[in-house]
Amino acid sequence: MARPCLLLPLLLAAAAVLAWAPGGALAKSKLAKKSDDIVNGPLLTEKLKAKRTLIVGPDEEFKTVQSAIDAVPAGNTEWIIVHLRSGVHKGKVVIPANKPFTFVRGNGKGRTSITHESASSDNAESVAFAVNADNVVVFGISFRNSVRVGLINDQGIRSVFAMVAGDKGNIDFIFGSGQSIFQCPEIFMKPDRRTEILGSITAQDRKADDNGSGFVFLKGKVYGVGEVYLGRVSAPNSRVIFADTYLSKTVNPAGWTSIGYTVPAAPIQLHRAGSDAAKRVLWSRRFTMNEASKYLTVDFINGKEWLPPFYY
């Protein structure tokens, strides 16, 4: 079963749907700085009412992100914030399945980054950031991996990535069987000149039709050098949706590639600049906004079961 996640602004480029109301309109609050804020870090911190905040930095108790994650109690049932000071945090980060209700927060994409430099024939081994737990929020962090392999391995149910960004990945940038929303993501792609194989931004592993998993990208930006596919269909029922997302000429006109499956991953309301949607593979699907509406709210990640009421 997929685990919903909320991934807020990354430099890897993924963000959350936290401020979307069930009807698809943005939720409004006098506490938010702007009516179109998807995720407001300080506001979310307040609404979560976390019992504990673990701070990571060279002068803090926790010197590495992983050491702070390790300090989250197994079987955790209350929100814990892991706050990353501005700067570059080196090393692979894994949030284990037994550590839900974890809010990993940075000071903003471009200010706080997680970088991991490791190559392996197994993407899961070389990935910079892995989410195996349910009920996870990631906010304001950039992810980098200089060896052009996967940046995020998302296996979680109910996850949100907001105001996040990622760059220098190339092969299956974001992969896994997660059920997640990436809002306001910024994804910078750079080719691996050691191979002629085009990379892909996603490889979503939804195997069964009744499985609720999938990756939804909202209000993001994809750009870079060379060419890349939006996704690699890696399972019989892969589900990836790009909604209201700017796609530069970096995106290969075919859009999607497959290893034998022809399941429609669907771009929605794409900005056309540089991206020729007319040349998409025939088995891809373009949704109307009415068809897509069920994916564009917190209901897609069962948000009413685990997010603060403000967000719905």
C-alpha atoms as a PDB file:
ATOM      1  CA  MET A   1       0.000   0.000   0.000  1.00  0.00           C
ATOM      2  CA  ALA A   2       1.300   3.446  -0.880  1.00  0.00           C
ATOM      3  CA  ARG A   3       2.127   5.920   1.847  1.00  0.00           C
ATOM      4  CA  PRO A   4       0.889   9.510   1.335  1.00  0.00           C
ATOM      5  CA  CYS A   5       3.530  12.204   1.632  1.00  0.00           C
ATOM      6  CA  LEU A   6       3.608  15.964   1.501  1.00  0.00           C
ATOM      7  CA  LEU A   7       6.766  17.298  -0.054  1.00  0.00           C
ATOM      8  CA  LEU A   8       7.040  21.064   0.065  1.00  0.00           C
ATOM      9  CA  PRO A   9       9.372  23.392  -1.939  1.00  0.00           C
ATOM     10  CA  LEU A  10      12.589  21.543  -2.956  1.00  0.00           C
ATOM     11  CA  LEU A  11      15.456  22.625  -5.173  1.00  0.00           C
ATOM     12  CA  LEU A  12      14.863  19.297  -6.526  1.00  0.00           C
ATOM     13  CA  ALA A  13      11.573  20.795  -7.300  1.00  0.00           C
ATOM     14  CA  ALA A  14       8.676  19.402  -5.459  1.00  0.00           C
ATOM     15  CA  ALA A  15       6.051  20.963  -3.282  1.00  0.00           C
ATOM     16  CA  ALA A  16       2.835  20.403  -1.425  1.00  0.00           C
ATOM     17  CA  VAL A  17      -0.864  20.852  -1.965  1.00  0.00           C
ATOM     18  CA  LEU A  18      -1.442  21.861   1.595  1.00  0.00           C
ATOM     19  CA  ALA A  19      -3.387  25.032   0.918  1.00  0.00           C
ATOM     20  CA  TRP A  20      -5.748  23.616  -1.668  1.00  0.00           C
ATOM     21  CA  ALA A  21      -9.373  23.277  -0.639  1.00  0.00           C
ATOM     22  CA  PRO A  22     -11.361  20.181  -1.706  1.00  0.00           C
ATOM     23  CA  GLY A  23     -12.971  22.105  -4.557  1.00  0.00           C
ATOM     24  CA  GLY A  24      -9.605  22.954  -6.023  1.00  0.00           C
ATOM     25  CA  ALA A  25      -9.547  26.596  -4.961  1.00  0.00           C
ATOM     26  CA  LEU A  26      -6.786  27.884  -2.758  1.00  0.00           C
ATOM     27  CA  ALA A  27      -7.643  28.041   0.903  1.00  0.00           C
ATOM     28  CA  LYS A  28      -7.384  31.515   2.409  1.00  0.00           C
ATOM     29  CA  SER A  29      -6.365  32.595   5.866  1.00  0.00           C
ATOM     30  CA  LYS A  30      -5.499  35.905   7.456  1.00  0.00           C
ATOM     31  CA  LEU A  31      -2.522  34.103   8.953  1.00  0.00           C
ATOM     32  CA  ALA A  32      -1.015  33.385   5.556  1.00  0.00           C
ATOM     33  CA  LYS A  33       1.224  35.983   3.964  1.00  0.00           C
ATOM     34  CA  LYS A  34      -0.565  35.683   0.617  1.00  0.00           C
ATOM     35  CA  SER A  35      -3.869  34.179  -0.410  1.00  0.00           C
ATOM     36  CA  ASP A  36      -2.054  31.908  -2.867  1.00  0.00           C
ATOM     37  CA  ASP A  37       0.429  30.494  -0.369  1.00  0.00           C
ATOM     38  CA  ILE A  38       0.509  26.724  -0.689  1.00  0.00           C
ATOM     39  CA  VAL A  39       2.681  26.165   2.335  1.00  0.00           C
ATOM     40  CA  ASN A  40       3.756  28.739   4.866  1.00  0.00           C
ATOM     41  CA  GLY A  41       6.586  27.245   6.905  1.00  0.00           C
ATOM     42  CA  PRO A  42       6.077  29.188  10.158  1.00  0.00           C
ATOM     43  CA  LEU A  43       2.303  28.729   9.962  1.00  0.00           C
ATOM     44  CA  LEU A  44       2.595  24.997   9.379  1.00  0.00           C
ATOM     45  CA  THR A  45       5.044  24.753  12.273  1.00  0.00           C
ATOM     46  CA  GLU A  46       2.488  26.453  14.523  1.00  0.00           C
ATOM     47  CA  LYS A  47      -0.452  24.353  13.397  1.00  0.00           C
ATOM     48  CA  LEU A  48       1.359  21.046  13.778  1.00  0.00           C
ATOM     49  CA  LYS A  49       1.850  21.752  17.504  1.00  0.00           C
ATOM     50  CA  ALA A  50       4.998  19.644  17.495  1.00  0.00           C
ATOM     51  CA  LYS A  51       6.161  18.422  20.906  1.00  0.00           C
ATOM     52  CA  ARG A  52       9.809  18.551  19.947  1.00  0.00           C
ATOM     53  CA  THR A  53      12.126  20.292  17.460  1.00  0.00           C
ATOM     54  CA  LEU A  54      15.491  18.765  16.558  1.00  0.00           C
ATOM     55  CA  ILE A  55      17.887  21.323  15.067  1.00  0.00           C
ATOM     56  CA  VAL A  56      20.646  20.321  12.661  1.00  0.00           C
ATOM     57  CA  GLY A  57      23.726  22.439  12.106  1.00  0.00           C
ATOM     58  CA  PRO A  58      27.478  22.651  12.795  1.00  0.00           C
ATOM     59  CA  ASP A  59      26.872  24.376  16.143  1.00  0.00           C
ATOM     60  CA  GLU A  60      23.760  22.404  17.115  1.00  0.00           C
ATOM     61  CA  GLU A  61      23.176  19.174  19.038  1.00  0.00           C
ATOM     62  CA  PHE A  62      22.714  17.280  15.769  1.00  0.00           C
ATOM     63  CA  LYS A  63      25.531  17.649  13.264  1.00  0.00           C
ATOM     64  CA  THR A  64      23.902  15.591  10.495  1.00  0.00           C
ATOM     65  CA  VAL A  65      20.356  15.252   9.235  1.00  0.00           C
ATOM     66  CA  GLN A  66      20.438  11.476   9.666  1.00  0.00           C
ATOM     67  CA  SER A  67      21.468  11.742  13.322  1.00  0.00           C
ATOM     68  CA  ALA A  68      18.386  13.881  13.960  1.00  0.00           C
ATOM     69  CA  ILE A  69      16.139  11.415  12.109  1.00  0.00           C
ATOM     70  CA  ASP A  70      17.652   8.614  14.195  1.00  0.00           C
ATOM     71  CA  ALA A  71      16.599  10.517  17.325  1.00  0.00           C
ATOM     72  CA  VAL A  72      12.922  10.416  16.338  1.00  0.00           C
ATOM     73  CA  PRO A  73      11.330   7.677  18.494  1.00  0.00           C
ATOM     74  CA  ALA A  74      10.327   4.474  16.730  1.00  0.00           C
ATOM     75  CA  GLY A  75       6.553   4.247  16.465  1.00  0.00           C
ATOM     76  CA  ASN A  76       6.251   8.016  16.841  1.00  0.00           C
ATOM     77  CA  THR A  77       2.621   9.240  16.979  1.00  0.00           C
ATOM     78  CA  GLU A  78       3.139  12.979  17.477  1.00  0.00           C
ATOM     79  CA  TRP A  79       4.682  15.509  15.139  1.00  0.00           C
ATOM     80  CA  ILE A  80       8.407  16.097  15.468  1.00  0.00           C
ATOM     81  CA  ILE A  81      10.169  18.837  13.525  1.00  0.00           C
ATOM     82  CA  VAL A  82      13.664  18.282  12.165  1.00  0.00           C
ATOM     83  CA  HIS A  83      14.910  21.779  11.326  1.00  0.00           C
ATOM     84  CA  LEU A  84      17.940  22.176   9.064  1.00  0.00           C
ATOM     85  CA  ARG A  85      19.954  25.357   9.434  1.00  0.00           C
ATOM     86  CA  SER A  86      21.002  27.151   6.238  1.00  0.00           C
ATOM     87  CA  GLY A  87      23.949  25.568   4.485  1.00  0.00           C
ATOM     88  CA  VAL A  88      24.949  22.345   2.784  1.00  0.00           C
ATOM     89  CA  HIS A  89      24.121  19.139   4.676  1.00  0.00           C
ATOM     90  CA  LYS A  90      26.129  16.211   3.334  1.00  0.00           C
ATOM     91  CA  GLY A  91      25.146  12.576   3.477  1.00  0.00           C
ATOM     92  CA  LYS A  92      22.298  10.274   2.529  1.00  0.00           C
ATOM     93  CA  VAL A  93      19.101  10.674   4.558  1.00  0.00           C
ATOM     94  CA  VAL A  94      16.621   7.848   5.212  1.00  0.00           C
ATOM     95  CA  ILE A  95      13.343   8.237   7.117  1.00  0.00           C
ATOM     96  CA  PRO A  96      12.505   4.655   8.249  1.00  0.00           C
ATOM     97  CA  ALA A  97       8.998   3.242   8.042  1.00  0.00           C
ATOM     98  CA  ASN A  98       8.635   3.293  11.845  1.00  0.00           C
ATOM     99  CA  LYS A  99       9.137   7.083  12.115  1.00  0.00           C
ATOM    100  CA  PRO A 100       5.951   8.761  10.827  1.00  0.00           C
ATOM    101  CA  PHE A 101       4.795  12.289  11.664  1.00  0.00           C
ATOM    102  CA  THR A 102       8.162  13.769  10.759  1.00  0.00           C
ATOM    103  CA  PHE A 103       8.381  17.333   9.405  1.00  0.00           C
ATOM    104  CA  VAL A 104      11.777  17.985   7.792  1.00  0.00           C
ATOM    105  CA  ARG A 105      12.129  21.710   7.345  1.00  0.00           C
ATOM    106  CA  GLY A 106      14.834  23.886   5.781  1.00  0.00           C
ATOM    107  CA  ASN A 107      15.227  27.639   5.441  1.00  0.00           C
ATOM    108  CA  GLY A 108      14.260  27.633   1.785  1.00  0.00           C
ATOM    109  CA  LYS A 109      15.415  26.097  -1.482  1.00  0.00           C
ATOM    110  CA  GLY A 110      18.801  27.496  -2.355  1.00  0.00           C
ATOM    111  CA  ARG A 111      19.522  28.232   1.304  1.00  0.00           C
ATOM    112  CA  THR A 112      19.307  24.757   2.783  1.00  0.00           C
ATOM    113  CA  SER A 113      20.445  21.763   0.766  1.00  0.00           C
ATOM    114  CA  ILE A 114      21.051  18.052   1.191  1.00  0.00           C
ATOM    115  CA  THR A 115      23.756  16.634  -1.039  1.00  0.00           C
ATOM    116  CA  HIS A 116      24.905  13.083  -1.510  1.00  0.00           C
ATOM    117  CA  GLU A 117      27.624  11.890  -3.858  1.00  0.00           C
ATOM    118  CA  SER A 118      27.370   8.170  -4.364  1.00  0.00           C
ATOM    119  CA  ALA A 119      26.964   5.966  -7.419  1.00  0.00           C
ATOM    120  CA  SER A 120      25.466   2.486  -7.493  1.00  0.00           C
ATOM    121  CA  SER A 121      23.766   0.172  -9.951  1.00  0.00           C
ATOM    122  CA  ASP A 122      20.865   0.281  -7.498  1.00  0.00           C
ATOM    123  CA  ASN A 123      19.193   3.695  -7.360  1.00  0.00           C
ATOM    124  CA  ALA A 124      17.867   2.958  -3.881  1.00  0.00           C
ATOM    125  CA  GLU A 125      21.431   2.703  -2.597  1.00  0.00           C
ATOM    126  CA  SER A 126      22.701   5.941  -4.143  1.00  0.00           C
ATOM    127  CA  VAL A 127      19.648   8.127  -3.593  1.00  0.00           C
ATOM    128  CA  ALA A 128      20.110  11.330  -1.573  1.00  0.00           C
ATOM    129  CA  PHE A 129      16.781  11.273   0.318  1.00  0.00           C
ATOM    130  CA  ALA A 130      14.555   8.274   1.048  1.00  0.00           C
ATOM    131  CA  VAL A 131      11.077   8.384   2.617  1.00  0.00           C
ATOM    132  CA  ASN A 132       9.792   5.025   3.860  1.00  0.00           C
ATOM    133  CA  ALA A 133       7.415   6.371   6.522  1.00  0.00           C
ATOM    134  CA  ASP A 134       3.829   7.574   6.312  1.00  0.00           C
ATOM    135  CA  ASN A 135       2.761  11.120   7.212  1.00  0.00           C
ATOM    136  CA  VAL A 136       5.868  13.037   6.218  1.00  0.00           C
ATOM    137  CA  VAL A 137       6.253  16.696   5.251  1.00  0.00           C
ATOM    138  CA  VAL A 138       9.388  18.108   3.619  1.00  0.00           C
ATOM    139  CA  PHE A 139       9.699  21.862   3.192  1.00  0.00           C
ATOM    140  CA  GLY A 140      12.183  24.380   1.826  1.00  0.00           C
ATOM    141  CA  ILE A 141      15.111  22.129   0.902  1.00  0.00           C
ATOM    142  CA  SER A 142      17.245  21.650  -2.215  1.00  0.00           C
ATOM    143  CA  PHE A 143      18.493  18.168  -3.102  1.00  0.00           C
ATOM    144  CA  ARG A 144      21.601  17.454  -5.142  1.00  0.00           C
ATOM    145  CA  ASN A 145      23.457  14.393  -6.302  1.00  0.00           C
ATOM    146  CA  SER A 146      26.495  15.134  -8.454  1.00  0.00           C
ATOM    147  CA  VAL A 147      26.657  11.608  -9.884  1.00  0.00           C
ATOM    148  CA  ARG A 148      23.389  12.086 -11.818  1.00  0.00           C
ATOM    149  CA  VAL A 149      21.411   9.317 -10.171  1.00  0.00           C
ATOM    150  CA  GLY A 150      18.131   9.391  -8.250  1.00  0.00           C
ATOM    151  CA  LEU A 151      17.568  12.150  -5.710  1.00  0.00           C
ATOM    152  CA  ILE A 152      14.403  11.049  -3.913  1.00  0.00           C
ATOM    153  CA  ASN A 153      13.173   7.531  -3.205  1.00  0.00           C
ATOM    154  CA  ASP A 154       9.568   8.005  -2.126  1.00  0.00           C
ATOM    155  CA  GLN A 155       7.895   4.897  -0.739  1.00  0.00           C
ATOM    156  CA  GLY A 156       5.700   6.736   1.760  1.00  0.00           C
ATOM    157  CA  ILE A 157       1.941   7.003   1.993  1.00  0.00           C
ATOM    158  CA  ARG A 158       0.649  10.492   2.661  1.00  0.00           C
ATOM    159  CA  SER A 159       3.639  12.686   1.956  1.00  0.00           C
ATOM    160  CA  VAL A 160       4.032  16.285   0.869  1.00  0.00           C
ATOM    161  CA  PHE A 161       7.094  17.972  -0.598  1.00  0.00           C
ATOM    162  CA  ALA A 162       6.685  21.737  -0.695  1.00  0.00           C
ATOM    163  CA  MET A 163       8.967  24.514  -1.921  1.00  0.00           C
ATOM    164  CA  VAL A 164      11.649  22.013  -2.718  1.00  0.00           C
ATOM    165  CA  ALA A 165      14.161  21.823  -5.527  1.00  0.00           C
ATOM    166  CA  GLY A 166      16.513  19.324  -7.017  1.00  0.00           C
ATOM    167  CA  ASP A 167      19.298  19.481  -9.519  1.00  0.00           C
ATOM    168  CA  LYS A 168      21.970  17.449 -11.272  1.00  0.00           C
ATOM    169  CA  GLY A 169      19.976  14.250 -11.139  1.00  0.00           C
ATOM    170  CA  ASN A 170      19.432  12.445 -14.423  1.00  0.00           C
ATOM    171  CA  ILE A 171      18.316   8.821 -14.061  1.00  0.00           C
ATOM    172  CA  ASP A 172      14.922   8.403 -12.343  1.00  0.00           C
ATOM    173  CA  PHE A 173      15.179  11.693 -10.454  1.00  0.00           C
ATOM    174  CA  ILE A 174      12.229  10.838  -8.200  1.00  0.00           C
ATOM    175  CA  PHE A 175      11.171   7.221  -7.913  1.00  0.00           C
ATOM    176  CA  GLY A 176       9.282   4.738  -5.749  1.00  0.00           C
ATOM    177  CA  SER A 177       5.734   3.687  -4.926  1.00  0.00           C
ATOM    178  CA  GLY A 178       4.843   6.756  -2.867  1.00  0.00           C
ATOM    179  CA  GLN A 179       1.518   8.582  -2.739  1.00  0.00           C
ATOM    180  CA  SER A 180       2.737  12.157  -2.745  1.00  0.00           C
ATOM    181  CA  ILE A 181       2.167  15.725  -3.809  1.00  0.00           C
ATOM    182  CA  PHE A 182       5.032  17.938  -4.945  1.00  0.00           C
ATOM    183  CA  GLN A 183       4.009  21.573  -5.069  1.00  0.00           C
ATOM    184  CA  CYS A 184       5.987  24.464  -6.502  1.00  0.00           C
ATOM    185  CA  PRO A 185       8.856  22.146  -7.370  1.00  0.00           C
ATOM    186  CA  GLU A 186      11.851  23.389  -9.293  1.00  0.00           C
ATOM    187  CA  ILE A 187      13.711  20.660 -11.160  1.00  0.00           C
ATOM    188  CA  PHE A 188      16.987  21.307 -12.940  1.00  0.00           C
ATOM    189  CA  MET A 189      18.235  18.517 -15.152  1.00  0.00           C
ATOM    190  CA  LYS A 190      21.775  18.010 -16.398  1.00  0.00           C
ATOM    191  CA  PRO A 191      22.778  15.181 -18.753  1.00  0.00           C
ATOM    192  CA  ASP A 192      25.221  12.461 -17.855  1.00  0.00           C
ATOM    193  CA  ARG A 193      27.702  12.626 -20.716  1.00  0.00           C
ATOM    194  CA  ARG A 194      28.981   9.153 -19.852  1.00  0.00           C
ATOM    195  CA  THR A 195      25.880   7.604 -21.419  1.00  0.00           C
ATOM    196  CA  GLU A 196      23.603   8.292 -24.391  1.00  0.00           C
ATOM    197  CA  ILE A 197      20.561   7.069 -22.474  1.00  0.00           C
ATOM    198  CA  LEU A 198      18.089   9.867 -21.738  1.00  0.00           C
ATOM    199  CA  GLY A 199      17.170  10.173 -18.088  1.00  0.00           C
ATOM    200  CA  SER A 200      13.684  10.630 -16.645  1.00  0.00           C
ATOM    201  CA  ILE A 201      12.307  12.850 -13.914  1.00  0.00           C
ATOM    202  CA  THR A 202      10.105  10.127 -12.440  1.00  0.00           C
ATOM    203  CA  ALA A 203       9.737   6.354 -12.207  1.00  0.00           C
ATOM    204  CA  GLN A 204       6.536   5.690 -10.284  1.00  0.00           C
ATOM    205  CA  ASP A 205       5.976   2.101  -9.178  1.00  0.00           C
ATOM    206  CA  ARG A 206       2.198   1.662  -8.935  1.00  0.00           C
ATOM    207  CA  LYS A 207       1.574  -2.013  -9.665  1.00  0.00           C
ATOM    208  CA  ALA A 208      -2.162  -2.464  -9.015  1.00  0.00           C
ATOM    209  CA  ASP A 209      -5.092  -0.489 -10.391  1.00  0.00           C
ATOM    210  CA  ASP A 210      -6.719  -0.251  -6.950  1.00  0.00           C
ATOM    211  CA  ASN A 211      -3.544   1.157  -5.383  1.00  0.00           C
ATOM    212  CA  GLY A 212      -3.856   4.826  -4.438  1.00  0.00           C
ATOM    213  CA  SER A 213      -0.249   5.773  -5.050  1.00  0.00           C
ATOM    214  CA  GLY A 214       1.079   8.292  -7.537  1.00  0.00           C
ATOM    215  CA  PHE A 215       3.155  11.444  -7.913  1.00  0.00           C
ATOM    216  CA  VAL A 216       1.412  14.766  -8.474  1.00  0.00           C
ATOM    217  CA  PHE A 217       3.457  17.848  -9.426  1.00  0.00           C
ATOM    218  CA  LEU A 218       1.732  21.215  -9.077  1.00  0.00           C
ATOM    219  CA  LYS A 219       2.799  24.699 -10.130  1.00  0.00           C
ATOM    220  CA  GLY A 220       6.377  23.682 -10.756  1.00  0.00           C
ATOM    221  CA  LYS A 221       9.161  24.270 -13.232  1.00  0.00           C
ATOM    222  CA  VAL A 222      11.320  21.843 -15.218  1.00  0.00           C
ATOM    223  CA  TYR A 223      14.373  23.160 -17.032  1.00  0.00           C
ATOM    224  CA  GLY A 224      18.060  22.434 -17.563  1.00  0.00           C
ATOM    225  CA  VAL A 225      20.555  21.228 -20.162  1.00  0.00           C
ATOM    226  CA  GLY A 226      20.057  18.481 -22.731  1.00  0.00           C
ATOM    227  CA  GLU A 227      16.893  16.358 -22.841  1.00  0.00           C
ATOM    228  CA  VAL A 228      14.939  14.339 -20.310  1.00  0.00           C
ATOM    229  CA  TYR A 229      11.661  12.417 -20.169  1.00  0.00           C
ATOM    230  CA  LEU A 230       8.904  13.444 -17.764  1.00  0.00           C
ATOM    231  CA  GLY A 231       8.773   9.870 -16.595  1.00  0.00           C
ATOM    232  CA  ARG A 232       9.646   6.242 -17.156  1.00  0.00           C
ATOM    233  CA  VAL A 233       6.651   3.929 -16.884  1.00  0.00           C
ATOM    234  CA  SER A 234       8.157   1.351 -14.558  1.00  0.00           C
ATOM    235  CA  ALA A 235       5.050  -0.562 -13.434  1.00  0.00           C
ATOM    236  CA  PRO A 236       1.730  -1.716 -14.949  1.00  0.00           C
ATOM    237  CA  ASN A 237      -0.223   1.180 -13.388  1.00  0.00           C
ATOM    238  CA  SER A 238       2.313   3.989 -13.012  1.00  0.00           C
ATOM    239  CA  ARG A 239       0.610   7.309 -12.225  1.00  0.00           C
ATOM    240  CA  VAL A 240       2.367  10.649 -12.623  1.00  0.00           C
ATOM    241  CA  ILE A 241       0.590  13.970 -13.123  1.00  0.00           C
ATOM    242  CA  PHE A 242       2.116  17.339 -13.980  1.00  0.00           C
ATOM    243  CA  ALA A 243      -0.417  20.133 -13.447  1.00  0.00           C
ATOM    244  CA  ASP A 244       0.081  23.827 -14.236  1.00  0.00           C
ATOM    245  CA  THR A 245       3.790  23.159 -14.669  1.00  0.00           C
ATOM    246  CA  TYR A 246       6.297  25.024 -16.839  1.00  0.00           C
ATOM    247  CA  LEU A 247       8.188  22.635 -19.100  1.00  0.00           C
ATOM    248  CA  SER A 248      11.179  23.955 -21.000  1.00  0.00           C
ATOM    249  CA  LYS A 249      12.741  22.486 -24.144  1.00  0.00           C
ATOM    250  CA  THR A 250      14.650  20.200 -21.797  1.00  0.00           C
ATOM    251  CA  VAL A 251      11.621  17.868 -21.888  1.00  0.00           C
ATOM    252  CA  ASN A 252      11.789  15.400 -24.761  1.00  0.00           C
ATOM    253  CA  PRO A 253       8.740  15.915 -27.068  1.00  0.00           C
ATOM    254  CA  ALA A 254       7.636  12.286 -26.538  1.00  0.00           C
ATOM    255  CA  GLY A 255       7.234  13.100 -22.848  1.00  0.00           C
ATOM    256  CA  TRP A 256       7.303   9.547 -21.557  1.00  0.00           C
ATOM    257  CA  THR A 257       9.277   6.370 -22.023  1.00  0.00           C
ATOM    258  CA  SER A 258       8.483   2.800 -21.005  1.00  0.00           C
ATOM    259  CA  ILE A 259      10.125  -0.510 -20.220  1.00  0.00           C
ATOM    260  CA  GLY A 260       7.201  -2.425 -21.695  1.00  0.00           C
ATOM    261  CA  TYR A 261       4.159  -0.875 -20.017  1.00  0.00           C
ATOM    262  CA  THR A 262       1.885   1.618 -21.741  1.00  0.00           C
ATOM    263  CA  VAL A 263      -0.044   3.080 -18.842  1.00  0.00           C
ATOM    264  CA  PRO A 264      -1.041   6.736 -19.263  1.00  0.00           C
ATOM    265  CA  ALA A 265       0.785   9.144 -17.026  1.00  0.00           C
ATOM    266  CA  ALA A 266      -0.920  12.468 -17.499  1.00  0.00           C
ATOM    267  CA  PRO A 267       0.277  16.038 -17.831  1.00  0.00           C
ATOM    268  CA  ILE A 268      -2.409  18.605 -16.958  1.00  0.00           C
ATOM    269  CA  GLN A 269      -2.585  22.272 -17.958  1.00  0.00           C
ATOM    270  CA  LEU A 270       1.013  22.447 -19.006  1.00  0.00           C
ATOM    271  CA  HIS A 271       2.615  25.711 -19.980  1.00  0.00           C
ATOM    272  CA  ARG A 272       3.571  25.068 -23.588  1.00  0.00           C
ATOM    273  CA  ALA A 273       6.793  27.113 -23.812  1.00  0.00           C
ATOM    274  CA  GLY A 274       9.470  24.873 -25.245  1.00  0.00           C
ATOM    275  CA  SER A 275       7.484  21.683 -24.745  1.00  0.00           C
ATOM    276  CA  ASP A 276       5.733  20.302 -27.822  1.00  0.00           C
ATOM    277  CA  ALA A 277       2.796  18.387 -26.353  1.00  0.00           C
ATOM    278  CA  ALA A 278       1.602  17.447 -29.834  1.00  0.00           C
ATOM    279  CA  LYS A 279       4.410  14.898 -30.088  1.00  0.00           C
ATOM    280  CA  ARG A 280       3.627  13.038 -26.864  1.00  0.00           C
ATOM    281  CA  VAL A 281       3.517   9.236 -27.014  1.00  0.00           C
ATOM    282  CA  LEU A 282       0.072   8.034 -28.062  1.00  0.00           C
ATOM    283  CA  TRP A 283      -0.575   6.185 -24.809  1.00  0.00           C
ATOM    284  CA  SER A 284      -0.100   9.252 -22.609  1.00  0.00           C
ATOM    285  CA  ARG A 285      -3.220  11.031 -21.482  1.00  0.00           C
ATOM    286  CA  ARG A 286      -4.199  14.675 -21.136  1.00  0.00           C
ATOM    287  CA  PHE A 287      -6.816  15.257 -18.436  1.00  0.00           C
ATOM    288  CA  THR A 288      -9.357  18.034 -18.320  1.00  0.00           C
ATOM    289  CA  MET A 289      -9.283  20.044 -15.101  1.00  0.00           C
ATOM    290  CA  ASN A 290     -12.532  18.370 -14.063  1.00  0.00           C
ATOM    291  CA  GLU A 291     -10.955  14.918 -14.456  1.00  0.00           C
ATOM    292  CA  ALA A 292      -7.821  16.064 -12.665  1.00  0.00           C
ATOM    293  CA  SER A 293      -9.544  17.759  -9.733  1.00  0.00           C
ATOM    294  CA  LYS A 294      -9.454  14.672  -7.494  1.00  0.00           C
ATOM    295  CA  TYR A 295      -5.671  14.676  -7.655  1.00  0.00           C
ATOM    296  CA  LEU A 296      -5.203  18.368  -6.882  1.00  0.00           C
ATOM    297  CA  THR A 297      -6.327  18.510  -3.265  1.00  0.00           C
ATOM    298  CA  VAL A 298      -5.177  17.030   0.027  1.00  0.00           C
ATOM    299  CA  ASP A 299      -7.779  14.299  -0.466  1.00  0.00           C
ATOM    300  CA  PHE A 300      -5.362  12.558  -2.847  1.00  0.00           C
ATOM    301  CA  ILE A 301      -3.012  11.983   0.090  1.00  0.00           C
ATOM    302  CA  ASN A 302      -5.792  11.494   2.661  1.00  0.00           C
ATOM    303  CA  GLY A 303      -4.809  14.828   4.156  1.00  0.00           C
ATOM    304  CA  LYS A 304      -7.841  15.117   6.434  1.00  0.00           C
ATOM    305  CA  GLU A 305      -6.557  12.134   8.393  1.00  0.00           C
ATOM    306  CA  TRP A 306      -3.160  13.586   9.292  1.00  0.00           C
ATOM    307  CA  LEU A 307      -2.708  17.258   8.359  1.00  0.00           C
ATOM    308  CA  PRO A 308      -3.767  20.236  10.537  1.00  0.00           C
ATOM    309  CA  PRO A 309      -7.330  21.460   9.810  1.00  0.00           C
ATOM    310  CA  PHE A 310      -5.977  24.740   8.384  1.00  0.00           C
ATOM    311  CA  TYR A 311      -4.972  22.929   5.207  1.00  0.00           C
ATOM    312  CA  TYR A 312      -8.412  21.706   4.320  1.00  0.00           C
END
